[in-house]
Amino acid sequence: MLIAVASKDGREINQHFGHAERFLIYDVVDGDAKLVDEKKVERYCSFDPENPLRGNLLQGIAEALDGCRAVVTAQMGEHPKSELEKLGVEPFVTNGPIKSTLVELAKIL
């Protein structure tokens, strides 16, 4: 299963959803997580919250994450969480080493 991760350093889950300019895409299969892609996106927190373009930003991020079962970030606001859920991407907020965290998360997905 594909899971997207927001990470500043590529090792830890340590980035806020709204600050991410890229998402690392991991394929998690049989107790192993392999990096398979990187999707560049426009930062969700780039504009004023009242700006209607933020919806377009969220849609663009969701399109970039197409095929991912979940997105894992260190922090995420309630609005993006609910909107991602509506778009079929399960949001998770946690931190820690990417690979071991994704392997554990895959057990509950």
C-alpha atoms as a PDB file:
ATOM      1  CA  MET A   1       0.000   0.000   0.000  1.00  0.00           C
ATOM      2  CA  LEU A   2       1.205   3.505  -0.750  1.00  0.00           C
ATOM      3  CA  ILE A   3       1.578   5.991   2.105  1.00  0.00           C
ATOM      4  CA  ALA A   4       2.682   9.623   1.760  1.00  0.00           C
ATOM      5  CA  VAL A   5       4.934  11.196   4.393  1.00  0.00           C
ATOM      6  CA  ALA A   6       5.808  14.806   5.220  1.00  0.00           C
ATOM      7  CA  SER A   7       9.451  14.936   6.277  1.00  0.00           C
ATOM      8  CA  LYS A   8      12.096  17.639   6.447  1.00  0.00           C
ATOM      9  CA  ASP A   9      15.027  15.227   6.401  1.00  0.00           C
ATOM     10  CA  GLY A  10      13.801  12.020   4.746  1.00  0.00           C
ATOM     11  CA  ARG A  11      14.377   9.989   7.907  1.00  0.00           C
ATOM     12  CA  GLU A  12      11.787  11.188  10.411  1.00  0.00           C
ATOM     13  CA  ILE A  13       8.127  12.162  10.241  1.00  0.00           C
ATOM     14  CA  ASN A  14       8.749  15.733  11.344  1.00  0.00           C
ATOM     15  CA  GLN A  15       6.928  18.184   9.112  1.00  0.00           C
ATOM     16  CA  HIS A  16       3.591  19.985   9.362  1.00  0.00           C
ATOM     17  CA  PHE A  17       1.199  19.148   6.525  1.00  0.00           C
ATOM     18  CA  GLY A  18       0.743  22.804   5.608  1.00  0.00           C
ATOM     19  CA  HIS A  19       4.487  23.448   5.378  1.00  0.00           C
ATOM     20  CA  ALA A  20       5.334  20.490   3.163  1.00  0.00           C
ATOM     21  CA  GLU A  21       6.606  21.275  -0.321  1.00  0.00           C
ATOM     22  CA  ARG A  22       7.053  17.585  -1.070  1.00  0.00           C
ATOM     23  CA  PHE A  23       5.681  14.282   0.087  1.00  0.00           C
ATOM     24  CA  LEU A  24       7.730  11.120   0.134  1.00  0.00           C
ATOM     25  CA  ILE A  25       5.764   8.143  -1.173  1.00  0.00           C
ATOM     26  CA  TYR A  26       6.471   4.786   0.425  1.00  0.00           C
ATOM     27  CA  ASP A  27       5.214   1.373  -0.605  1.00  0.00           C
ATOM     28  CA  VAL A  28       4.569  -0.656   2.531  1.00  0.00           C
ATOM     29  CA  VAL A  29       4.386  -4.403   1.919  1.00  0.00           C
ATOM     30  CA  ASP A  30       5.041  -7.412   4.149  1.00  0.00           C
ATOM     31  CA  GLY A  31       6.631  -5.520   7.011  1.00  0.00           C
ATOM     32  CA  ASP A  32       8.886  -3.341   4.857  1.00  0.00           C
ATOM     33  CA  ALA A  33       8.608   0.269   3.699  1.00  0.00           C
ATOM     34  CA  LYS A  34      10.411   1.339   0.517  1.00  0.00           C
ATOM     35  CA  LEU A  35      10.664   4.856  -0.850  1.00  0.00           C
ATOM     36  CA  VAL A  36       9.201   4.738  -4.364  1.00  0.00           C
ATOM     37  CA  ASP A  37       8.487   8.362  -5.300  1.00  0.00           C
ATOM     38  CA  GLU A  38       8.575  11.991  -4.265  1.00  0.00           C
ATOM     39  CA  LYS A  39       5.747  14.376  -5.120  1.00  0.00           C
ATOM     40  CA  LYS A  40       6.405  18.103  -5.102  1.00  0.00           C
ATOM     41  CA  VAL A  41       3.423  20.256  -4.104  1.00  0.00           C
ATOM     42  CA  GLU A  42       2.622  23.868  -3.394  1.00  0.00           C
ATOM     43  CA  ARG A  43       2.583  24.581   0.333  1.00  0.00           C
ATOM     44  CA  TYR A  44      -0.939  24.498   1.741  1.00  0.00           C
ATOM     45  CA  CYS A  45      -0.115  27.288   4.230  1.00  0.00           C
ATOM     46  CA  SER A  46       1.124  29.612   1.488  1.00  0.00           C
ATOM     47  CA  PHE A  47      -1.884  31.921   1.528  1.00  0.00           C
ATOM     48  CA  ASP A  48      -4.350  33.624   3.835  1.00  0.00           C
ATOM     49  CA  PRO A  49      -6.801  31.045   5.285  1.00  0.00           C
ATOM     50  CA  GLU A  50      -9.699  33.052   3.886  1.00  0.00           C
ATOM     51  CA  ASN A  51      -8.293  32.900   0.368  1.00  0.00           C
ATOM     52  CA  PRO A  52     -10.435  30.542  -1.715  1.00  0.00           C
ATOM     53  CA  LEU A  53      -7.335  29.318  -3.530  1.00  0.00           C
ATOM     54  CA  ARG A  54      -6.478  27.156  -0.512  1.00  0.00           C
ATOM     55  CA  GLY A  55      -9.155  24.732  -1.619  1.00  0.00           C
ATOM     56  CA  ASN A  56      -7.420  24.482  -4.944  1.00  0.00           C
ATOM     57  CA  LEU A  57      -4.121  23.886  -3.147  1.00  0.00           C
ATOM     58  CA  LEU A  58      -5.648  21.055  -1.138  1.00  0.00           C
ATOM     59  CA  GLN A  59      -7.120  19.548  -4.290  1.00  0.00           C
ATOM     60  CA  GLY A  60      -3.705  19.773  -5.968  1.00  0.00           C
ATOM     61  CA  ILE A  61      -2.062  18.022  -3.032  1.00  0.00           C
ATOM     62  CA  ALA A  62      -4.727  15.306  -3.083  1.00  0.00           C
ATOM     63  CA  GLU A  63      -4.138  14.814  -6.814  1.00  0.00           C
ATOM     64  CA  ALA A  64      -0.380  14.524  -6.212  1.00  0.00           C
ATOM     65  CA  LEU A  65      -1.103  11.868  -3.579  1.00  0.00           C
ATOM     66  CA  ASP A  66      -3.461   9.944  -5.851  1.00  0.00           C
ATOM     67  CA  GLY A  67      -3.158   6.237  -5.125  1.00  0.00           C
ATOM     68  CA  CYS A  68      -1.950   6.765  -1.561  1.00  0.00           C
ATOM     69  CA  ARG A  69      -4.027   5.133   1.142  1.00  0.00           C
ATOM     70  CA  ALA A  70      -2.856   7.594   3.803  1.00  0.00           C
ATOM     71  CA  VAL A  71      -0.763  10.685   4.488  1.00  0.00           C
ATOM     72  CA  VAL A  72       1.354  10.915   7.642  1.00  0.00           C
ATOM     73  CA  THR A  73       2.546  14.239   9.055  1.00  0.00           C
ATOM     74  CA  ALA A  74       3.832  15.652  12.337  1.00  0.00           C
ATOM     75  CA  GLN A  75       0.927  18.135  12.508  1.00  0.00           C
ATOM     76  CA  MET A  76      -2.212  18.852  10.523  1.00  0.00           C
ATOM     77  CA  GLY A  77      -5.123  21.208  10.989  1.00  0.00           C
ATOM     78  CA  GLU A  78      -8.688  19.963  11.310  1.00  0.00           C
ATOM     79  CA  HIS A  79      -9.819  21.449   7.983  1.00  0.00           C
ATOM     80  CA  PRO A  80      -7.216  19.689   5.828  1.00  0.00           C
ATOM     81  CA  LYS A  81      -7.833  16.465   7.779  1.00  0.00           C
ATOM     82  CA  SER A  82     -11.545  16.462   7.037  1.00  0.00           C
ATOM     83  CA  GLU A  83     -11.060  17.510   3.421  1.00  0.00           C
ATOM     84  CA  LEU A  84      -8.482  14.779   2.787  1.00  0.00           C
ATOM     85  CA  GLU A  85     -10.852  12.232   4.294  1.00  0.00           C
ATOM     86  CA  LYS A  86     -13.565  13.397   1.872  1.00  0.00           C
ATOM     87  CA  LEU A  87     -11.073  12.884  -0.967  1.00  0.00           C
ATOM     88  CA  GLY A  88     -10.327   9.329   0.175  1.00  0.00           C
ATOM     89  CA  VAL A  89      -6.909   9.884   1.807  1.00  0.00           C
ATOM     90  CA  GLU A  90      -6.654   8.918   5.487  1.00  0.00           C
ATOM     91  CA  PRO A  91      -4.689  11.510   7.495  1.00  0.00           C
ATOM     92  CA  PHE A  92      -2.484  10.475  10.417  1.00  0.00           C
ATOM     93  CA  VAL A  93      -0.577  12.756  12.786  1.00  0.00           C
ATOM     94  CA  THR A  94       2.456  11.234  14.472  1.00  0.00           C
ATOM     95  CA  ASN A  95       6.214  11.493  14.549  1.00  0.00           C
ATOM     96  CA  GLY A  96       9.169   9.136  14.608  1.00  0.00           C
ATOM     97  CA  PRO A  97      11.319   7.189  12.173  1.00  0.00           C
ATOM     98  CA  ILE A  98       9.568   6.878   8.824  1.00  0.00           C
ATOM     99  CA  LYS A  99      10.046   3.217   7.977  1.00  0.00           C
ATOM    100  CA  SER A 100       9.226   1.633  11.337  1.00  0.00           C
ATOM    101  CA  THR A 101       6.280   3.996  11.860  1.00  0.00           C
ATOM    102  CA  LEU A 102       4.809   3.146   8.448  1.00  0.00           C
ATOM    103  CA  VAL A 103       5.197  -0.580   9.036  1.00  0.00           C
ATOM    104  CA  GLU A 104       3.234  -0.239  12.293  1.00  0.00           C
ATOM    105  CA  LEU A 105       0.628   2.015  10.681  1.00  0.00           C
ATOM    106  CA  ALA A 106       0.093  -0.459   7.840  1.00  0.00           C
ATOM    107  CA  LYS A 107      -1.036  -3.037  10.431  1.00  0.00           C
ATOM    108  CA  ILE A 108      -4.119  -0.954  11.224  1.00  0.00           C
ATOM    109  CA  LEU A 109      -4.993   0.179   7.692  1.00  0.00           C
END
